Protein backbone atom coordinates (compact mmCIF):
# COMPACT_ATOMS: atom_id res chain seq x y z
CA MET A 1 -45.18 6.88 13.21
CA GLY A 2 -41.97 8.35 12.01
CA PHE A 3 -39.39 7.57 9.34
CA ALA A 4 -36.04 9.08 8.33
CA ARG A 5 -33.02 7.86 6.47
CA ALA A 6 -29.28 8.89 6.34
CA CYS A 7 -26.24 7.44 4.55
CA SER A 8 -22.99 5.88 5.61
CA VAL A 9 -20.33 3.73 3.98
CA ALA A 10 -19.51 0.12 4.53
CA LEU A 11 -15.85 -0.80 3.48
CA VAL A 12 -15.16 -3.97 1.67
CA GLY A 13 -11.37 -4.27 1.54
CA VAL A 14 -10.35 -0.78 0.32
CA GLU A 15 -13.52 -0.16 -1.66
CA GLY A 16 -16.66 1.44 -0.16
CA VAL A 17 -20.35 0.76 -0.59
CA VAL A 18 -22.85 3.48 0.33
CA VAL A 19 -25.32 2.15 2.93
CA GLU A 20 -28.65 3.64 3.54
CA VAL A 21 -29.45 3.87 7.29
CA GLN A 22 -33.29 3.73 7.79
CA ALA A 23 -35.02 4.52 11.05
CA ASP A 24 -38.62 3.66 11.66
CA LEU A 25 -40.70 4.52 14.78
CA GLU A 26 -43.95 2.68 15.51
CA PRO A 27 -46.29 2.57 18.63
CA GLY A 28 -45.52 -0.25 20.91
CA VAL A 29 -43.23 -1.47 23.64
CA ALA A 30 -39.97 0.54 23.69
CA ALA A 31 -37.33 -1.60 21.85
CA PHE A 32 -34.26 -0.99 19.47
CA THR A 33 -33.78 -3.52 16.73
CA LEU A 34 -30.88 -3.28 14.26
CA VAL A 35 -31.07 -5.27 11.06
CA GLY A 36 -29.11 -5.48 7.81
CA LEU A 37 -26.27 -8.02 8.32
CA PRO A 38 -24.41 -6.08 11.12
CA ASP A 39 -21.41 -7.66 12.96
CA LYS A 40 -20.74 -7.66 16.77
CA SER A 41 -19.27 -4.19 16.90
CA LEU A 42 -22.06 -2.72 14.90
CA VAL A 43 -24.83 -4.43 17.08
CA GLU A 44 -23.21 -2.79 20.19
CA SER A 45 -23.92 0.65 18.51
CA ARG A 46 -27.41 0.44 19.92
CA ASP A 47 -26.17 1.21 23.48
CA ARG A 48 -23.52 3.70 22.24
CA VAL A 49 -26.06 5.64 20.33
CA ARG A 50 -28.79 5.67 22.97
CA ALA A 51 -26.30 7.03 25.64
CA ALA A 52 -24.84 9.54 23.26
CA VAL A 53 -28.20 10.91 22.18
CA VAL A 54 -29.35 11.33 25.89
CA ASN A 55 -26.09 12.83 26.98
CA SER A 56 -26.26 15.36 24.07
CA GLY A 57 -29.46 16.83 25.45
CA ALA A 58 -31.96 15.06 23.08
CA GLU A 59 -34.90 12.94 24.07
CA TRP A 60 -34.66 9.20 23.31
CA PRO A 61 -37.95 8.04 21.59
CA GLN A 62 -39.93 5.56 23.91
CA LYS A 63 -41.40 3.59 21.03
CA LYS A 64 -40.54 0.51 19.01
CA LEU A 65 -37.58 1.53 17.03
CA THR A 66 -36.22 -0.44 14.02
CA VAL A 67 -33.04 0.54 12.09
CA GLY A 68 -32.25 -0.99 8.79
CA LEU A 69 -29.03 -1.05 6.93
CA SER A 70 -29.60 -1.30 3.11
CA PRO A 71 -28.55 -3.15 1.09
CA ALA A 72 -28.91 -6.01 3.56
CA SER A 73 -26.72 -8.35 1.48
CA VAL A 74 -23.47 -6.47 2.15
CA PRO A 75 -21.67 -7.33 5.41
CA LYS A 76 -21.28 -4.36 7.65
CA GLY A 77 -19.04 -3.86 10.58
CA GLY A 78 -17.24 -1.34 12.65
CA SER A 79 -18.42 1.66 14.75
CA GLY A 80 -18.35 4.16 11.77
CA PHE A 81 -22.14 3.82 11.45
CA ASP A 82 -22.88 5.32 14.93
CA LEU A 83 -23.29 8.98 13.60
CA ALA A 84 -25.61 7.86 10.75
CA VAL A 85 -27.76 5.70 13.05
CA ALA A 86 -28.11 8.48 15.67
CA CYS A 87 -29.17 11.12 13.10
CA SER A 88 -31.68 8.78 11.48
CA VAL A 89 -33.24 8.12 14.86
CA LEU A 90 -33.41 11.76 15.55
CA GLY A 91 -34.88 12.42 12.20
CA ALA A 92 -37.55 9.79 12.75
CA ALA A 93 -38.28 11.46 16.20
CA GLU A 94 -38.55 14.87 14.38
CA ARG A 95 -35.90 16.32 16.54
CA ILE A 96 -34.05 17.29 13.23
CA ASP A 97 -35.68 17.69 9.87
CA PRO A 98 -35.57 14.25 7.91
CA LYS A 99 -34.92 16.12 4.66
CA ALA A 100 -31.75 17.66 5.99
CA ILE A 101 -30.15 14.18 6.37
CA ALA A 102 -31.66 12.39 3.47
CA ASP A 103 -28.69 12.98 1.10
CA LEU A 104 -26.01 13.31 3.87
CA VAL A 105 -23.19 10.88 4.33
CA LEU A 106 -22.16 10.45 8.00
CA ILE A 107 -19.20 8.60 9.20
CA GLY A 108 -17.97 8.43 12.73
CA GLU A 109 -18.10 6.58 16.04
CA LEU A 110 -20.04 7.99 19.09
CA GLY A 111 -18.82 7.99 22.65
CA LEU A 112 -21.20 7.67 25.43
CA ASP A 113 -20.73 11.37 26.20
CA GLY A 114 -21.71 12.35 22.64
CA ARG A 115 -18.28 13.12 21.37
CA VAL A 116 -17.53 12.01 17.75
CA ARG A 117 -14.51 9.78 17.57
CA PRO A 118 -12.52 9.13 14.34
CA VAL A 119 -12.48 5.77 12.54
CA ARG A 120 -10.17 4.15 10.06
CA GLY A 121 -10.89 4.21 6.34
CA VAL A 122 -12.31 7.69 5.98
CA LEU A 123 -10.57 8.38 2.65
CA PRO A 124 -11.89 5.27 0.79
CA ALA A 125 -15.32 5.82 2.32
CA VAL A 126 -15.58 9.50 0.99
CA LEU A 127 -14.23 8.34 -2.39
CA ALA A 128 -16.98 5.77 -2.61
CA ALA A 129 -19.68 8.51 -1.53
CA ALA A 130 -18.33 10.87 -4.18
CA GLU A 131 -18.45 8.08 -6.89
CA ALA A 132 -22.08 7.44 -5.87
CA GLY A 133 -23.03 11.08 -6.39
CA TYR A 134 -23.11 12.37 -2.86
CA HIS A 135 -21.59 15.87 -2.27
CA GLN A 136 -21.96 16.43 1.44
CA VAL A 137 -20.09 14.44 4.12
CA VAL A 138 -19.90 14.68 7.90
CA VAL A 139 -16.81 13.15 9.53
CA PRO A 140 -15.00 13.50 12.87
CA GLU A 141 -12.96 16.79 13.13
CA GLN A 142 -9.70 14.75 13.34
CA THR A 143 -10.18 13.13 9.89
CA ALA A 144 -11.63 16.27 8.07
CA GLY A 145 -8.25 16.73 6.34
CA GLU A 146 -8.21 13.27 5.12
CA ALA A 147 -11.74 13.55 3.78
CA SER A 148 -11.00 16.85 2.13
CA LEU A 149 -8.50 15.19 -0.17
CA VAL A 150 -11.49 14.03 -2.41
CA PRO A 151 -12.44 16.82 -4.82
CA GLY A 152 -15.98 17.87 -5.36
CA VAL A 153 -17.24 16.97 -1.82
CA SER A 154 -18.15 19.41 0.94
CA VAL A 155 -16.75 18.15 4.24
CA LEU A 156 -18.09 19.06 7.68
CA GLY A 157 -15.83 18.09 10.62
CA VAL A 158 -17.74 17.74 14.04
CA ARG A 159 -16.46 17.27 17.53
CA SER A 160 -19.82 16.02 19.05
CA LEU A 161 -23.31 14.99 18.25
CA ARG A 162 -24.55 18.13 20.03
CA GLN A 163 -22.70 20.23 17.44
CA LEU A 164 -24.13 18.38 14.49
CA ILE A 165 -27.68 18.68 15.77
CA ALA A 166 -27.20 22.47 16.12
CA VAL A 167 -25.87 22.72 12.58
CA LEU A 168 -28.77 20.66 11.23
CA THR A 169 -31.41 22.57 13.04
CA GLY A 170 -29.97 26.00 12.56
CA GLU A 171 -29.32 26.63 16.26
CA ALA A 172 -26.21 28.16 17.76
CA VAL A 173 -23.46 25.72 17.52
CA PRO A 174 -22.03 25.04 21.06
CA GLU A 175 -18.23 25.12 21.63
CA GLU A 176 -16.60 21.84 22.56
CA PRO A 177 -13.48 22.68 24.43
CA GLN A 178 -10.47 20.42 23.78
CA GLU A 179 -8.62 19.44 26.79
CA PRO A 180 -4.87 20.25 26.39
CA ARG A 181 -2.90 16.94 26.59
CA GLN A 182 0.76 17.94 26.71
CA ASP A 183 1.95 14.84 28.57
CA ARG A 184 0.13 12.08 26.64
CA PRO A 185 -1.32 11.39 23.16
CA ASP A 186 -4.82 12.41 22.35
CA PRO A 187 -7.03 9.44 23.18
CA MET A 188 -9.57 10.42 20.51
CA LEU A 189 -6.97 9.28 17.91
CA ALA A 190 -6.74 5.81 19.33
CA GLY A 191 -9.35 4.56 16.88
CA LEU A 192 -7.20 5.53 13.83
CA MET A 193 -4.28 3.27 14.63
CA MET A 194 -4.13 -0.54 14.84
CA PRO A 195 -2.17 -1.57 17.93
CA GLY A 196 1.45 -2.38 16.91
CA ALA A 197 0.70 -1.94 13.07
CA GLY A 198 3.85 0.24 12.58
CA VAL A 199 6.12 -2.35 14.15
CA GLY A 200 4.46 -5.53 13.02
CA THR A 201 4.31 -4.70 9.26
CA GLY A 202 7.90 -3.36 9.03
CA LEU A 203 6.61 -0.12 7.50
CA ALA A 204 8.96 2.86 7.48
CA ALA A 205 7.86 6.31 8.47
CA SER A 206 6.96 8.40 5.44
CA GLY A 207 6.88 12.02 4.61
CA PRO A 208 9.33 14.84 5.22
CA GLY A 209 9.02 14.36 9.12
CA GLY A 210 9.66 10.70 9.01
CA GLY A 211 13.21 11.05 10.55
CA HIS A 212 16.57 10.33 9.13
CA ARG A 213 16.43 9.29 5.48
CA PRO A 214 19.27 6.75 4.59
CA ASP A 215 21.68 7.90 1.71
CA LEU A 216 23.12 5.71 -0.98
CA ALA A 217 26.51 7.39 -0.31
CA ASP A 218 26.60 5.41 2.99
CA VAL A 219 26.99 2.16 0.99
CA ALA A 220 30.54 1.06 0.63
CA GLY A 221 31.49 -0.43 -2.83
CA GLN A 222 28.90 -2.60 -4.49
CA ALA A 223 29.03 -0.94 -7.90
CA ALA A 224 27.12 -3.83 -9.61
CA ALA A 225 24.33 -3.80 -6.95
CA ARG A 226 24.07 -0.01 -7.08
CA THR A 227 23.56 -0.15 -10.93
CA ALA A 228 20.92 -2.80 -10.42
CA LEU A 229 19.16 -0.76 -7.73
CA GLU A 230 19.17 2.29 -10.19
CA VAL A 231 17.70 0.15 -13.05
CA ALA A 232 15.12 -1.29 -10.72
CA ALA A 233 13.92 2.13 -9.59
CA ALA A 234 13.88 3.60 -13.02
CA GLY A 235 11.75 0.74 -14.67
CA GLY A 236 9.94 -0.79 -11.73
CA HIS A 237 11.89 -4.07 -11.99
CA HIS A 238 11.98 -6.78 -9.26
CA LEU A 239 15.39 -7.44 -7.71
CA LEU A 240 17.17 -10.24 -6.04
CA LEU A 241 20.25 -9.51 -4.01
CA GLN A 242 22.22 -12.61 -3.10
CA GLY A 243 25.44 -12.64 -1.08
CA PRO A 244 27.06 -13.27 2.31
CA PRO A 245 25.87 -11.69 5.62
CA GLY A 246 27.16 -8.09 6.06
CA ALA A 247 27.66 -7.34 2.43
CA GLY A 248 25.05 -4.52 2.49
CA LYS A 249 21.90 -6.17 0.99
CA THR A 250 19.59 -4.65 3.66
CA MET A 251 21.41 -1.27 3.35
CA LEU A 252 20.75 -1.12 -0.33
CA ALA A 253 17.01 -2.21 0.04
CA GLU A 254 16.44 0.41 2.74
CA ARG A 255 17.66 3.19 0.32
CA LEU A 256 15.58 2.16 -2.60
CA PRO A 257 12.31 4.09 -1.63
CA ALA A 258 14.32 7.35 -1.56
CA VAL A 259 15.55 6.74 -5.12
CA LEU A 260 11.95 6.21 -6.37
CA PRO A 261 10.16 9.24 -7.77
CA PRO A 262 7.53 10.96 -5.58
CA LEU A 263 4.04 9.67 -5.76
CA THR A 264 1.64 11.29 -8.15
CA ARG A 265 -1.71 12.64 -6.88
CA GLN A 266 -3.66 9.55 -7.93
CA GLU A 267 -0.92 7.22 -6.47
CA SER A 268 -1.01 9.19 -3.19
CA LEU A 269 -4.72 8.76 -2.85
CA GLU A 270 -4.45 4.94 -3.62
CA VAL A 271 -1.69 4.50 -0.94
CA THR A 272 -3.44 6.66 1.57
CA ALA A 273 -6.65 4.69 1.12
CA VAL A 274 -4.91 1.49 1.85
CA HIS A 275 -3.02 2.83 4.85
CA SER A 276 -6.28 4.33 6.17
CA VAL A 277 -8.08 1.14 6.10
CA ALA A 278 -5.14 -0.81 7.59
CA GLY A 279 -4.85 1.71 10.51
CA ILE A 280 -1.27 2.89 9.84
CA LEU A 281 -1.91 6.29 8.47
CA PRO A 282 0.11 8.74 10.92
CA PRO A 283 -2.05 11.28 12.62
CA GLY A 284 -1.56 14.74 11.20
CA GLU A 285 -0.47 13.39 7.80
CA PRO A 286 -3.71 12.94 5.73
CA LEU A 287 -1.87 12.21 2.39
CA VAL A 288 1.08 9.89 1.88
CA HIS A 289 3.55 11.57 -0.58
CA THR A 290 6.52 9.13 -0.57
CA PRO A 291 6.69 5.48 -1.75
CA PRO A 292 6.01 3.17 1.23
CA TYR A 293 8.57 0.67 2.47
CA CYS A 294 7.27 -2.63 3.98
CA ALA A 295 9.60 -5.32 5.36
CA PRO A 296 7.79 -8.21 7.07
CA HIS A 297 9.66 -10.56 9.11
CA HIS A 298 10.40 -14.08 7.62
CA SER A 299 8.09 -15.71 9.87
CA ALA A 300 5.10 -13.89 8.30
CA THR A 301 2.18 -16.12 7.30
CA MET A 302 0.67 -16.24 3.73
CA GLN A 303 -2.38 -14.35 4.98
CA SER A 304 -0.26 -11.48 6.54
CA LEU A 305 1.54 -11.20 3.13
CA VAL A 306 -1.37 -11.25 0.56
CA GLY A 307 -4.29 -10.27 2.98
CA GLY A 308 -6.60 -12.17 5.05
CA GLY A 309 -8.25 -12.44 8.58
CA ASN A 310 -11.53 -13.29 10.13
CA GLY A 311 -14.54 -12.29 8.15
CA LEU A 312 -13.71 -9.90 5.17
CA PRO A 313 -9.94 -9.87 4.36
CA ARG A 314 -7.77 -6.99 5.43
CA PRO A 315 -4.87 -5.71 3.46
CA GLY A 316 -1.64 -7.63 3.70
CA ALA A 317 2.04 -6.62 3.19
CA VAL A 318 1.64 -6.70 -0.57
CA SER A 319 -1.07 -4.01 -0.34
CA LEU A 320 0.64 -1.94 2.30
CA ALA A 321 3.66 -1.77 -0.04
CA HIS A 322 1.46 -0.69 -3.02
CA ARG A 323 3.35 1.83 -5.26
CA GLY A 324 6.36 1.28 -3.00
CA VAL A 325 8.96 -1.35 -2.00
CA LEU A 326 8.25 -4.77 -0.59
CA PHE A 327 11.62 -6.08 1.00
CA LEU A 328 11.80 -9.72 1.93
CA ASP A 329 14.93 -10.05 3.89
CA GLU A 330 16.09 -13.66 4.46
CA ALA A 331 13.82 -14.71 1.50
CA PRO A 332 14.49 -18.47 1.71
CA GLU A 333 13.37 -18.54 5.37
CA PHE A 334 9.82 -17.50 4.30
CA SER A 335 7.39 -20.46 3.89
CA GLY A 336 7.04 -21.80 0.36
CA ARG A 337 3.19 -21.16 0.36
CA ALA A 338 3.76 -17.59 1.26
CA LEU A 339 6.45 -16.86 -1.45
CA ASP A 340 4.46 -18.70 -4.13
CA ALA A 341 1.36 -16.68 -3.18
CA LEU A 342 3.22 -13.57 -4.53
CA ARG A 343 3.09 -14.85 -8.12
CA GLN A 344 -0.30 -13.39 -8.89
CA PRO A 345 0.20 -9.84 -7.57
CA LEU A 346 3.69 -9.66 -9.21
CA GLU A 347 2.01 -10.22 -12.56
CA SER A 348 -1.37 -8.50 -12.25
CA GLY A 349 -0.69 -5.67 -9.73
CA HIS A 350 -3.53 -6.67 -7.47
CA VAL A 351 -4.46 -9.63 -5.35
CA VAL A 352 -7.92 -11.27 -5.17
CA VAL A 353 -8.67 -12.83 -1.70
CA ALA A 354 -11.61 -15.18 -1.37
CA ARG A 355 -13.22 -15.98 1.98
CA SER A 356 -16.62 -17.29 3.12
CA ALA A 357 -17.78 -13.68 3.85
CA GLY A 358 -16.91 -12.48 0.38
CA VAL A 359 -14.30 -11.88 -2.28
CA VAL A 360 -12.01 -8.75 -1.98
CA ARG A 361 -9.70 -7.25 -4.61
CA LEU A 362 -6.74 -5.33 -3.05
CA PRO A 363 -4.28 -3.20 -4.94
CA ALA A 364 -0.79 -4.65 -4.91
CA ARG A 365 1.48 -3.05 -7.48
CA PHE A 366 4.85 -2.92 -5.74
CA LEU A 367 8.61 -3.26 -6.38
CA MET A 368 9.81 -6.53 -4.72
CA VAL A 369 13.32 -6.90 -3.45
CA LEU A 370 14.52 -10.28 -2.19
CA ALA A 371 17.66 -10.83 -0.11
CA ALA A 372 19.14 -14.29 0.40
CA ASN A 373 22.31 -15.81 1.66
CA PRO A 374 24.07 -18.43 -0.59
CA CYS A 375 23.66 -21.22 1.97
CA PRO A 376 22.14 -21.74 5.50
CA CYS A 377 25.47 -20.50 7.19
CA GLY A 378 26.04 -17.68 4.55
CA ARG A 379 29.70 -18.40 4.01
CA HIS A 380 29.54 -20.56 0.89
CA THR A 381 30.85 -17.89 -1.54
CA LEU A 382 33.62 -16.66 0.78
CA ASN A 383 37.21 -17.73 0.12
CA GLY A 384 38.62 -19.44 3.30
CA ALA A 385 35.43 -18.79 5.39
CA GLY A 386 34.98 -22.35 6.34
CA CYS A 387 31.50 -23.12 5.03
CA GLU A 388 30.56 -26.52 6.46
CA CYS A 389 27.09 -26.81 4.75
CA PRO A 390 26.79 -30.13 2.71
CA PRO A 391 25.89 -29.72 -0.97
CA SER A 392 22.50 -31.23 -0.40
CA ALA A 393 21.77 -28.58 2.23
CA ILE A 394 22.96 -25.78 -0.07
CA ARG A 395 20.72 -27.14 -2.86
CA ARG A 396 17.73 -27.47 -0.52
CA TYR A 397 18.20 -23.88 0.77
CA GLN A 398 18.52 -22.35 -2.71
CA SER A 399 15.54 -24.33 -3.99
CA ARG A 400 13.22 -22.63 -1.51
CA LEU A 401 12.89 -19.81 -4.05
CA SER A 402 10.94 -21.58 -6.77
CA GLY A 403 11.64 -21.30 -10.48
CA PRO A 404 8.32 -19.54 -11.24
CA LEU A 405 8.98 -16.96 -8.67
CA LEU A 406 12.51 -16.22 -9.78
CA ASP A 407 11.35 -16.09 -13.39
CA ARG A 408 9.24 -13.00 -12.44
CA VAL A 409 12.41 -11.26 -10.95
CA ASP A 410 14.06 -9.12 -13.69
CA LEU A 411 17.39 -8.39 -11.96
CA ARG A 412 19.55 -10.90 -9.99
CA VAL A 413 22.73 -9.66 -8.54
CA ASN A 414 25.53 -11.31 -6.61
CA VAL A 415 26.58 -8.96 -3.83
CA GLN A 416 30.21 -9.35 -3.09
CA PRO A 417 31.85 -9.01 0.34
CA VAL A 418 33.03 -5.51 1.13
CA THR A 419 36.77 -5.06 0.69
CA ARG A 420 38.95 -3.16 3.01
CA ALA A 421 39.68 -0.43 0.45
CA ASP A 422 35.81 0.09 -0.03
CA LEU A 423 35.23 0.11 3.73
CA LEU A 424 37.97 2.63 4.52
CA GLY A 425 36.71 4.86 1.63
CA GLN A 426 39.94 4.70 -0.30
CA GLY A 427 38.04 4.56 -3.62
CA GLY A 428 35.93 7.59 -2.63
CA ARG A 429 32.25 7.74 -1.67
CA GLY A 430 29.67 6.49 -3.91
CA GLU A 431 27.05 8.70 -5.48
CA SER A 432 24.37 10.27 -3.16
CA THR A 433 20.75 9.32 -3.35
CA ALA A 434 19.96 12.80 -4.78
CA ALA A 435 22.16 12.19 -7.80
CA VAL A 436 20.84 8.74 -8.59
CA ALA A 437 17.14 9.88 -8.00
CA ALA A 438 17.66 12.68 -10.58
CA ARG A 439 18.71 10.30 -13.20
CA VAL A 440 15.82 7.90 -12.24
CA GLN A 441 13.46 10.87 -12.63
CA GLU A 442 14.75 11.62 -16.11
CA ALA A 443 14.48 8.04 -17.13
CA ARG A 444 10.96 7.79 -15.86
CA ALA A 445 10.08 10.97 -17.86
CA ARG A 446 11.52 9.36 -21.09
CA SER A 447 9.41 6.21 -20.55
CA ALA A 448 6.36 8.09 -19.60
CA ALA A 449 6.55 10.16 -22.77
CA ARG A 450 6.94 6.90 -24.86
CA LEU A 451 3.99 5.30 -22.99
CA ASP A 452 1.80 8.42 -22.96
CA THR A 453 -1.11 7.01 -24.97
CA THR A 454 -0.96 3.54 -23.48
CA PRO A 455 -2.36 2.24 -20.13
CA TRP A 456 1.20 1.46 -18.91
CA SER A 457 3.51 3.99 -17.01
CA VAL A 458 6.72 2.13 -16.51
CA ASN A 459 8.68 -0.31 -18.59
CA SER A 460 8.06 -3.30 -16.25
CA GLU A 461 4.35 -3.09 -17.03
CA VAL A 462 4.48 -3.26 -20.84
CA PRO A 463 3.62 -6.68 -22.26
CA GLY A 464 6.32 -8.35 -24.31
CA HIS A 465 4.18 -8.55 -27.39
CA GLU A 466 3.84 -4.71 -27.44
CA LEU A 467 7.60 -4.33 -26.89
CA ARG A 468 8.31 -6.52 -29.84
CA THR A 469 5.78 -5.02 -32.29
CA ARG A 470 5.36 -1.33 -31.36
CA TRP A 471 8.92 -0.43 -30.04
CA PRO A 472 11.52 -2.52 -31.78
CA VAL A 473 15.16 -2.53 -30.77
CA SER A 474 18.13 -1.91 -32.90
CA PRO A 475 18.78 -4.48 -35.52
CA GLY A 476 20.87 -7.40 -34.12
CA ALA A 477 20.56 -6.16 -30.51
CA LEU A 478 18.79 -9.34 -29.28
CA ALA A 479 21.27 -11.77 -30.88
CA ALA A 480 22.82 -12.77 -27.58
CA ALA A 481 19.37 -13.11 -25.91
CA GLU A 482 18.17 -15.31 -28.78
CA ARG A 483 21.02 -17.60 -28.41
CA ASP A 484 20.30 -18.00 -24.70
CA LEU A 485 16.80 -18.87 -25.54
CA GLU A 486 17.84 -21.51 -27.87
CA ARG A 487 20.26 -23.05 -25.34
CA GLY A 488 17.42 -23.16 -22.78
CA LEU A 489 19.07 -20.55 -20.48
CA LEU A 490 16.06 -18.09 -20.93
CA THR A 491 12.32 -18.70 -21.16
CA ALA A 492 9.92 -16.80 -23.43
CA ARG A 493 8.91 -14.79 -20.37
CA GLY A 494 12.56 -14.31 -19.67
CA ILE A 495 13.06 -12.69 -23.20
CA ASP A 496 10.16 -10.37 -22.42
CA ARG A 497 11.69 -9.34 -19.22
CA ILE A 498 15.18 -8.77 -20.84
CA LEU A 499 13.44 -6.45 -23.33
CA ARG A 500 11.92 -4.45 -20.36
CA VAL A 501 15.19 -4.08 -18.65
CA ALA A 502 17.02 -3.16 -21.88
CA TRP A 503 14.53 -0.40 -22.49
CA THR A 504 15.13 0.97 -18.82
CA VAL A 505 18.84 0.84 -19.37
CA ALA A 506 18.39 2.72 -22.68
CA ASP A 507 16.24 5.30 -20.91
CA LEU A 508 18.87 5.80 -18.28
CA ALA A 509 21.50 6.16 -20.93
CA GLY A 510 19.41 8.74 -22.84
CA CYS A 511 19.05 6.55 -25.95
CA ASP A 512 16.08 6.45 -28.18
CA ARG A 513 16.05 2.56 -28.39
CA PRO A 514 18.17 -0.27 -26.94
CA GLU A 515 21.43 -1.18 -28.56
CA ALA A 516 23.40 -4.42 -28.28
CA HIS A 517 25.32 -3.22 -25.17
CA HIS A 518 22.18 -2.30 -23.43
CA VAL A 519 20.70 -5.84 -24.01
CA ASP A 520 24.05 -7.26 -22.89
CA LEU A 521 23.85 -5.46 -19.51
CA ALA A 522 20.15 -6.55 -19.18
CA LEU A 523 21.26 -10.26 -19.69
CA GLU A 524 24.16 -9.71 -17.16
CA LEU A 525 21.83 -8.18 -14.54
CA ARG A 526 19.23 -11.14 -15.06
CA THR A 527 21.47 -14.22 -15.37
CA GLY A 528 24.47 -12.99 -13.33
CA ILE A 529 26.94 -13.93 -16.08
CA ALA A 530 29.33 -11.34 -16.93
CA ARG A 531 29.18 -10.35 -20.68
CA GLY A 532 31.57 -7.51 -20.66
CA ALA A 533 28.78 -4.85 -20.60
CA GLY A 534 29.94 -1.66 -18.74
CA ALA A 535 27.67 0.53 -16.77
CA VAL A 536 25.63 2.61 -19.31
CA THR A 537 23.79 4.70 -16.75
CA GLY A 538 24.66 8.25 -15.79
CA GLY A 539 23.99 9.67 -19.14
CA THR A 540 26.71 7.74 -21.19
CA SER A 541 26.21 5.16 -23.76
């Protein structure tokens, strides 16, 4: 009779639960039983592990074998338990010392030939192991860089089960030659990527090697929209761009991620963990440094936006855009249920998805950009363009964006058609992304210094009560906003959002607190009604 245990990690959403893998050998008819609420792919590990152990030169025990996954109440799935199951079986058979694997966390899939293949979600799994007090982790060699991002954890990357057995027993570690693959991708990396994930989610390539980065200088005209884009980036405010087709709404949205500041270390770990679980982390880039950009198609379902799927929910577009930009082009064409499902993450910064298999909390703190045409044909605001949409069709089209959703959008800009002078560059090129990003960085630094001792980092996160009591504006600065509140043009939530935008405008202007003209610009950016407020960004007030 033999017994051994090792540890692995079960992922629930983007959070991990350390699972103890116990193997017990008893005299009796040779059989292999796996218990502990495994799914189909985990049940199949019995055949994979048996073949991998035999092909690695070890003897498979011809006894009654029971492998238990504890805690049994947590659903477990995927092939990442293979390595822990194999080591616990070999420990029970005394091929390796059971004490050597008792406090070891093992993550990886086994091929039938004994090679260790990478799996998704290594970073959140290692984070969970570190939080549980484990200090030694074994992962596939291809994901060792991702696992090494967690401080205080010793990471061992292995290519095969044969190598791991040699390390644990003190034998000479055999070399596992890698076949050169100049003409095709490495098949060992196939388990890291979801098929079609990069195309289906609308995610842009990140990192310095992500290809051409669009520049704001390419956008012709659109001074008001560029100001709104800068304010949105500096304060984390949601943005609605409304205008005819071809005015540059998509161009502006695509250039917003480059204006945002680079991710901090903690934000990079959060984004990388989500992308690792979703299977969209590019090979060779273990850490995401730039804000992600996610642009799902307007036919996306509610589950694909907020998260869902069979069994435990998987991250949706709002989680893939965490700490980045979620761009909804042709926003009125999205289903009403899908758009209204965005209300909770817009307020709380996370989304809670409940399914029969369990409840999952996914991070979803993103900057939302909506783009919409004025009518179904898009020519309603153009002079002499011949819009033939009846008024009832225009009202129905514009009402697809519900009032509660629009109330959460701080900035609403009417994008005007590009004039001939703007298109031919007669007015000069606009500012580059680098110039705008530098001002955004300075404004973020001012707000971060003000919010240093608080749980908030940008102006859009500060509750309205705190803004009104802890950081008052200049006397009389809110007079215009208070008049709009009395007339019913603004709600109480709208006043709070005006305050947040006004603080961002003041930060961009280098002022200590918002003045009346800062509030006027915030009102103009929210209501779309011109109030004579000039641009106060760029260091002038």
